[in-house]
Amino acid sequence: MNSIFYAYYDSRSFSFDAIGTDERSAAQTLIDGLNKHREQYNLESDWYYKDDIQVREMKFDECYRDRDEL
């Protein structure tokens, strides 16, 4: 494995992050976390915008600035 996949979502009040071995697992882990947050705060089921979820491949032994590789 030379990389991981980093998913993130920023809401007005919180930032959410998840890591997976592939793009799909990172996104699903993040969605699971967003749903857990929804339950904790008693939010509507559509409180976040699925299209705003971002997933990036992150390579080991690389430096990133603002989530972009230098």
PDB file of N, CA and C in Angstrom:
ATOM      1  N   MET A   1       0.851  -1.175   0.000  1.00  0.00           N
ATOM      2  CA  MET A   1       0.000   0.000   0.000  1.00  0.00           C
ATOM      3  C   MET A   1       0.899   1.241   0.000  1.00  0.00           C
ATOM      4  N   ASN A   2       0.746   2.074  -1.003  1.00  0.00           N
ATOM      5  CA  ASN A   2       1.549   3.290  -1.117  1.00  0.00           C
ATOM      6  C   ASN A   2       0.764   4.544  -0.773  1.00  0.00           C
ATOM      7  N   SER A   3      -0.531   4.387  -0.526  1.00  0.00           N
ATOM      8  CA  SER A   3      -1.335   5.564  -0.229  1.00  0.00           C
ATOM      9  C   SER A   3      -2.574   5.176   0.581  1.00  0.00           C
ATOM     10  N   ILE A   4      -3.210   6.196   1.118  1.00  0.00           N
ATOM     11  CA  ILE A   4      -4.486   6.061   1.796  1.00  0.00           C
ATOM     12  C   ILE A   4      -5.434   7.057   1.149  1.00  0.00           C
ATOM     13  N   PHE A   5      -6.688   6.961   1.479  1.00  0.00           N
ATOM     14  CA  PHE A   5      -7.670   7.896   0.958  1.00  0.00           C
ATOM     15  C   PHE A   5      -8.275   8.661   2.122  1.00  0.00           C
ATOM     16  N   TYR A   6      -8.292   9.960   1.963  1.00  0.00           N
ATOM     17  CA  TYR A   6      -8.703  10.881   3.012  1.00  0.00           C
ATOM     18  C   TYR A   6      -9.993  11.556   2.561  1.00  0.00           C
ATOM     19  N   ALA A   7     -11.061  11.364   3.332  1.00  0.00           N
ATOM     20  CA  ALA A   7     -12.346  11.989   3.036  1.00  0.00           C
ATOM     21  C   ALA A   7     -12.591  13.087   4.063  1.00  0.00           C
ATOM     22  N   TYR A   8     -13.211  14.168   3.614  1.00  0.00           N
ATOM     23  CA  TYR A   8     -13.502  15.252   4.545  1.00  0.00           C
ATOM     24  C   TYR A   8     -14.765  15.999   4.141  1.00  0.00           C
ATOM     25  N   TYR A   9     -15.350  16.604   5.158  1.00  0.00           N
ATOM     26  CA  TYR A   9     -16.559  17.402   4.979  1.00  0.00           C
ATOM     27  C   TYR A   9     -16.523  18.524   6.008  1.00  0.00           C
ATOM     28  N   ASP A  10     -16.743  19.747   5.573  1.00  0.00           N
ATOM     29  CA  ASP A  10     -16.783  20.890   6.475  1.00  0.00           C
ATOM     30  C   ASP A  10     -18.197  21.442   6.530  1.00  0.00           C
ATOM     31  N   SER A  11     -18.753  21.488   7.748  1.00  0.00           N
ATOM     32  CA  SER A  11     -20.050  22.120   7.952  1.00  0.00           C
ATOM     33  C   SER A  11     -19.816  23.494   8.571  1.00  0.00           C
ATOM     34  N   ARG A  12     -20.873  24.195   8.901  1.00  0.00           N
ATOM     35  CA  ARG A  12     -20.715  25.513   9.512  1.00  0.00           C
ATOM     36  C   ARG A  12     -19.993  25.441  10.848  1.00  0.00           C
ATOM     37  N   SER A  13     -20.232  24.374  11.600  1.00  0.00           N
ATOM     38  CA  SER A  13     -19.722  24.302  12.966  1.00  0.00           C
ATOM     39  C   SER A  13     -18.642  23.251  13.189  1.00  0.00           C
ATOM     40  N   PHE A  14     -18.517  22.296  12.290  1.00  0.00           N
ATOM     41  CA  PHE A  14     -17.605  21.178  12.495  1.00  0.00           C
ATOM     42  C   PHE A  14     -16.873  20.817  11.204  1.00  0.00           C
ATOM     43  N   SER A  15     -15.711  20.186  11.375  1.00  0.00           N
ATOM     44  CA  SER A  15     -14.996  19.553  10.265  1.00  0.00           C
ATOM     45  C   SER A  15     -14.961  18.058  10.553  1.00  0.00           C
ATOM     46  N   PHE A  16     -15.197  17.263   9.542  1.00  0.00           N
ATOM     47  CA  PHE A  16     -15.224  15.807   9.681  1.00  0.00           C
ATOM     48  C   PHE A  16     -14.170  15.203   8.765  1.00  0.00           C
ATOM     49  N   ASP A  17     -13.461  14.180   9.251  1.00  0.00           N
ATOM     50  CA  ASP A  17     -12.410  13.516   8.494  1.00  0.00           C
ATOM     51  C   ASP A  17     -12.548  12.015   8.651  1.00  0.00           C
ATOM     52  N   ALA A  18     -12.199  11.293   7.594  1.00  0.00           N
ATOM     53  CA  ALA A  18     -12.172   9.829   7.646  1.00  0.00           C
ATOM     54  C   ALA A  18     -11.077   9.338   6.713  1.00  0.00           C
ATOM     55  N   ILE A  19     -10.522   8.180   7.041  1.00  0.00           N
ATOM     56  CA  ILE A  19      -9.449   7.598   6.237  1.00  0.00           C
ATOM     57  C   ILE A  19      -9.843   6.183   5.856  1.00  0.00           C
ATOM     58  N   GLY A  20      -9.545   5.811   4.617  1.00  0.00           N
ATOM     59  CA  GLY A  20      -9.843   4.465   4.142  1.00  0.00           C
ATOM     60  C   GLY A  20      -8.742   3.949   3.237  1.00  0.00           C
ATOM     61  N   THR A  21      -8.818   2.665   2.939  1.00  0.00           N
ATOM     62  CA  THR A  21      -7.832   2.043   2.062  1.00  0.00           C
ATOM     63  C   THR A  21      -8.144   2.282   0.590  1.00  0.00           C
ATOM     64  N   ASP A  22      -9.359   2.711   0.297  1.00  0.00           N
ATOM     65  CA  ASP A  22      -9.726   3.090  -1.066  1.00  0.00           C
ATOM     66  C   ASP A  22     -10.747   4.224  -0.984  1.00  0.00           C
ATOM     67  N   GLU A  23     -11.056   4.820  -2.116  1.00  0.00           N
ATOM     68  CA  GLU A  23     -11.946   5.981  -2.151  1.00  0.00           C
ATOM     69  C   GLU A  23     -13.324   5.655  -1.572  1.00  0.00           C
ATOM     70  N   ARG A  24     -13.841   4.510  -1.939  1.00  0.00           N
ATOM     71  CA  ARG A  24     -15.178   4.104  -1.483  1.00  0.00           C
ATOM     72  C   ARG A  24     -15.234   3.926   0.027  1.00  0.00           C
ATOM     73  N   SER A  25     -14.227   3.256   0.597  1.00  0.00           N
ATOM     74  CA  SER A  25     -14.255   3.012   2.045  1.00  0.00           C
ATOM     75  C   SER A  25     -14.072   4.311   2.827  1.00  0.00           C
ATOM     76  N   ALA A  26     -13.263   5.222   2.324  1.00  0.00           N
ATOM     77  CA  ALA A  26     -13.092   6.509   3.003  1.00  0.00           C
ATOM     78  C   ALA A  26     -14.400   7.297   2.993  1.00  0.00           C
ATOM     79  N   ALA A  27     -15.060   7.350   1.843  1.00  0.00           N
ATOM     80  CA  ALA A  27     -16.328   8.073   1.739  1.00  0.00           C
ATOM     81  C   ALA A  27     -17.394   7.439   2.635  1.00  0.00           C
ATOM     82  N   GLN A  28     -17.478   6.115   2.636  1.00  0.00           N
ATOM     83  CA  GLN A  28     -18.493   5.444   3.448  1.00  0.00           C
ATOM     84  C   GLN A  28     -18.224   5.631   4.941  1.00  0.00           C
ATOM     85  N   THR A  29     -16.970   5.595   5.338  1.00  0.00           N
ATOM     86  CA  THR A  29     -16.618   5.826   6.739  1.00  0.00           C
ATOM     87  C   THR A  29     -17.026   7.235   7.157  1.00  0.00           C
ATOM     88  N   LEU A  30     -16.808   8.200   6.276  1.00  0.00           N
ATOM     89  CA  LEU A  30     -17.206   9.571   6.568  1.00  0.00           C
ATOM     90  C   LEU A  30     -18.724   9.676   6.678  1.00  0.00           C
ATOM     91  N   ILE A  31     -19.444   9.084   5.749  1.00  0.00           N
ATOM     92  CA  ILE A  31     -20.911   9.116   5.794  1.00  0.00           C
ATOM     93  C   ILE A  31     -21.422   8.475   7.084  1.00  0.00           C
ATOM     94  N   ASP A  32     -20.819   7.368   7.483  1.00  0.00           N
ATOM     95  CA  ASP A  32     -21.205   6.724   8.748  1.00  0.00           C
ATOM     96  C   ASP A  32     -21.000   7.681   9.922  1.00  0.00           C
ATOM     97  N   GLY A  33     -19.896   8.409   9.907  1.00  0.00           N
ATOM     98  CA  GLY A  33     -19.630   9.382  10.959  1.00  0.00           C
ATOM     99  C   GLY A  33     -20.605  10.548  10.936  1.00  0.00           C
ATOM    100  N   LEU A  34     -20.958  11.021   9.744  1.00  0.00           N
ATOM    101  CA  LEU A  34     -21.931  12.106   9.623  1.00  0.00           C
ATOM    102  C   LEU A  34     -23.294  11.663  10.154  1.00  0.00           C
ATOM    103  N   ASN A  35     -23.640  10.417   9.906  1.00  0.00           N
ATOM    104  CA  ASN A  35     -24.910   9.897  10.422  1.00  0.00           C
ATOM    105  C   ASN A  35     -24.874   9.740  11.939  1.00  0.00           C
ATOM    106  N   LYS A  36     -23.740   9.364  12.482  1.00  0.00           N
ATOM    107  CA  LYS A  36     -23.598   9.276  13.944  1.00  0.00           C
ATOM    108  C   LYS A  36     -23.733  10.676  14.553  1.00  0.00           C
ATOM    109  N   HIS A  37     -23.113  11.661  13.922  1.00  0.00           N
ATOM    110  CA  HIS A  37     -23.233  13.049  14.373  1.00  0.00           C
ATOM    111  C   HIS A  37     -24.704  13.490  14.327  1.00  0.00           C
ATOM    112  N   ARG A  38     -25.398  13.127  13.254  1.00  0.00           N
ATOM    113  CA  ARG A  38     -26.823  13.465  13.110  1.00  0.00           C
ATOM    114  C   ARG A  38     -27.620  12.934  14.289  1.00  0.00           C
ATOM    115  N   GLU A  39     -27.358  11.684  14.680  1.00  0.00           N
ATOM    116  CA  GLU A  39     -28.065  11.079  15.816  1.00  0.00           C
ATOM    117  C   GLU A  39     -27.728  11.801  17.116  1.00  0.00           C
ATOM    118  N   GLN A  40     -26.454  12.135  17.314  1.00  0.00           N
ATOM    119  CA  GLN A  40     -26.033  12.801  18.549  1.00  0.00           C
ATOM    120  C   GLN A  40     -26.666  14.183  18.703  1.00  0.00           C
ATOM    121  N   TYR A  41     -26.863  14.883  17.588  1.00  0.00           N
ATOM    122  CA  TYR A  41     -27.399  16.238  17.628  1.00  0.00           C
ATOM    123  C   TYR A  41     -28.863  16.304  17.207  1.00  0.00           C
ATOM    124  N   ASN A  42     -29.477  15.143  16.990  1.00  0.00           N
ATOM    125  CA  ASN A  42     -30.902  15.069  16.627  1.00  0.00           C
ATOM    126  C   ASN A  42     -31.207  15.952  15.402  1.00  0.00           C
ATOM    127  N   LEU A  43     -30.407  15.771  14.351  1.00  0.00           N
ATOM    128  CA  LEU A  43     -30.558  16.555  13.122  1.00  0.00           C
ATOM    129  C   LEU A  43     -31.432  15.821  12.115  1.00  0.00           C
ATOM    130  N   GLU A  44     -31.894  16.547  11.126  1.00  0.00           N
ATOM    131  CA  GLU A  44     -32.657  15.955  10.018  1.00  0.00           C
ATOM    132  C   GLU A  44     -31.760  15.018   9.223  1.00  0.00           C
ATOM    133  N   SER A  45     -32.350  14.039   8.578  1.00  0.00           N
ATOM    134  CA  SER A  45     -31.559  13.042   7.841  1.00  0.00           C
ATOM    135  C   SER A  45     -30.786  13.651   6.669  1.00  0.00           C
ATOM    136  N   ASP A  46     -31.241  14.783   6.164  1.00  0.00           N
ATOM    137  CA  ASP A  46     -30.551  15.421   5.031  1.00  0.00           C
ATOM    138  C   ASP A  46     -29.784  16.674   5.466  1.00  0.00           C
ATOM    139  N   TRP A  47     -29.228  16.669   6.671  1.00  0.00           N
ATOM    140  CA  TRP A  47     -28.583  17.861   7.210  1.00  0.00           C
ATOM    141  C   TRP A  47     -27.290  18.220   6.487  1.00  0.00           C
ATOM    142  N   TYR A  48     -26.663  17.272   5.807  1.00  0.00           N
ATOM    143  CA  TYR A  48     -25.424  17.572   5.083  1.00  0.00           C
ATOM    144  C   TYR A  48     -25.640  17.340   3.585  1.00  0.00           C
ATOM    145  N   TYR A  49     -24.752  17.920   2.789  1.00  0.00           N
ATOM    146  CA  TYR A  49     -24.831  17.814   1.333  1.00  0.00           C
ATOM    147  C   TYR A  49     -23.832  16.769   0.848  1.00  0.00           C
ATOM    148  N   LYS A  50     -24.345  15.639   0.414  1.00  0.00           N
ATOM    149  CA  LYS A  50     -23.492  14.527   0.000  1.00  0.00           C
ATOM    150  C   LYS A  50     -22.508  14.943  -1.102  1.00  0.00           C
ATOM    151  N   ASP A  51     -22.926  15.846  -1.973  1.00  0.00           N
ATOM    152  CA  ASP A  51     -22.054  16.297  -3.069  1.00  0.00           C
ATOM    153  C   ASP A  51     -20.854  17.096  -2.571  1.00  0.00           C
ATOM    154  N   ASP A  52     -20.897  17.565  -1.321  1.00  0.00           N
ATOM    155  CA  ASP A  52     -19.795  18.341  -0.770  1.00  0.00           C
ATOM    156  C   ASP A  52     -18.736  17.482  -0.082  1.00  0.00           C
ATOM    157  N   ILE A  53     -18.941  16.183  -0.038  1.00  0.00           N
ATOM    158  CA  ILE A  53     -17.938  15.281   0.519  1.00  0.00           C
ATOM    159  C   ILE A  53     -16.778  15.185  -0.469  1.00  0.00           C
ATOM    160  N   GLN A  54     -15.583  15.391   0.028  1.00  0.00           N
ATOM    161  CA  GLN A  54     -14.383  15.339  -0.804  1.00  0.00           C
ATOM    162  C   GLN A  54     -13.522  14.147  -0.388  1.00  0.00           C
ATOM    163  N   VAL A  55     -12.932  13.482  -1.368  1.00  0.00           N
ATOM    164  CA  VAL A  55     -12.013  12.376  -1.092  1.00  0.00           C
ATOM    165  C   VAL A  55     -10.739  12.610  -1.893  1.00  0.00           C
ATOM    166  N   ARG A  56      -9.619  12.505  -1.206  1.00  0.00           N
ATOM    167  CA  ARG A  56      -8.320  12.686  -1.861  1.00  0.00           C
ATOM    168  C   ARG A  56      -7.426  11.497  -1.558  1.00  0.00           C
ATOM    169  N   GLU A  57      -6.636  11.152  -2.523  1.00  0.00           N
ATOM    170  CA  GLU A  57      -5.609  10.126  -2.311  1.00  0.00           C
ATOM    171  C   GLU A  57      -4.402  10.801  -1.679  1.00  0.00           C
ATOM    172  N   MET A  58      -3.905  10.213  -0.600  1.00  0.00           N
ATOM    173  CA  MET A  58      -2.744  10.751   0.102  1.00  0.00           C
ATOM    174  C   MET A  58      -1.638   9.697   0.044  1.00  0.00           C
ATOM    175  N   LYS A  59      -0.498  10.084  -0.497  1.00  0.00           N
ATOM    176  CA  LYS A  59       0.625   9.158  -0.639  1.00  0.00           C
ATOM    177  C   LYS A  59       1.518   9.219   0.590  1.00  0.00           C
ATOM    178  N   PHE A  60       2.035   8.075   0.980  1.00  0.00           N
ATOM    179  CA  PHE A  60       2.991   8.035   2.079  1.00  0.00           C
ATOM    180  C   PHE A  60       4.281   8.744   1.657  1.00  0.00           C
ATOM    181  N   ASP A  61       4.957   9.316   2.620  1.00  0.00           N
ATOM    182  CA  ASP A  61       6.237   9.995   2.403  1.00  0.00           C
ATOM    183  C   ASP A  61       6.115  11.188   1.455  1.00  0.00           C
ATOM    184  N   GLU A  62       4.959  11.823   1.466  1.00  0.00           N
ATOM    185  CA  GLU A  62       4.746  13.047   0.692  1.00  0.00           C
ATOM    186  C   GLU A  62       4.260  14.136   1.638  1.00  0.00           C
ATOM    187  N   CYS A  63       4.522  15.375   1.279  1.00  0.00           N
ATOM    188  CA  CYS A  63       4.060  16.508   2.068  1.00  0.00           C
ATOM    189  C   CYS A  63       2.885  17.167   1.345  1.00  0.00           C
ATOM    190  N   TYR A  64       1.907  17.599   2.130  1.00  0.00           N
ATOM    191  CA  TYR A  64       0.720  18.252   1.587  1.00  0.00           C
ATOM    192  C   TYR A  64       0.525  19.605   2.245  1.00  0.00           C
ATOM    193  N   ARG A  65       0.096  20.543   1.451  1.00  0.00           N
ATOM    194  CA  ARG A  65      -0.265  21.873   1.950  1.00  0.00           C
ATOM    195  C   ARG A  65      -1.693  22.145   1.503  1.00  0.00           C
ATOM    196  N   ASP A  66      -2.546  22.455   2.470  1.00  0.00           N
ATOM    197  CA  ASP A  66      -3.959  22.683   2.172  1.00  0.00           C
ATOM    198  C   ASP A  66      -4.555  21.517   1.377  1.00  0.00           C
ATOM    199  N   ARG A  67      -4.149  20.309   1.755  1.00  0.00           N
ATOM    200  CA  ARG A  67      -4.619  19.037   1.177  1.00  0.00           C
ATOM    201  C   ARG A  67      -4.148  18.802  -0.256  1.00  0.00           C
ATOM    202  N   ASP A  68      -3.226  19.608  -0.745  1.00  0.00           N
ATOM    203  CA  ASP A  68      -2.649  19.383  -2.069  1.00  0.00           C
ATOM    204  C   ASP A  68      -1.175  19.021  -1.926  1.00  0.00           C
ATOM    205  N   GLU A  69      -0.720  18.108  -2.750  1.00  0.00           N
ATOM    206  CA  GLU A  69       0.672  17.679  -2.724  1.00  0.00           C
ATOM    207  C   GLU A  69       1.579  18.823  -3.166  1.00  0.00           C
ATOM    208  N   LEU A  70       2.692  18.986  -2.436  1.00  0.00           N
ATOM    209  CA  LEU A  70       3.663  20.019  -2.815  1.00  0.00           C
ATOM    210  C   LEU A  70       4.493  19.559  -3.996  1.00  0.00           C
TER     211      LEU A  70
END
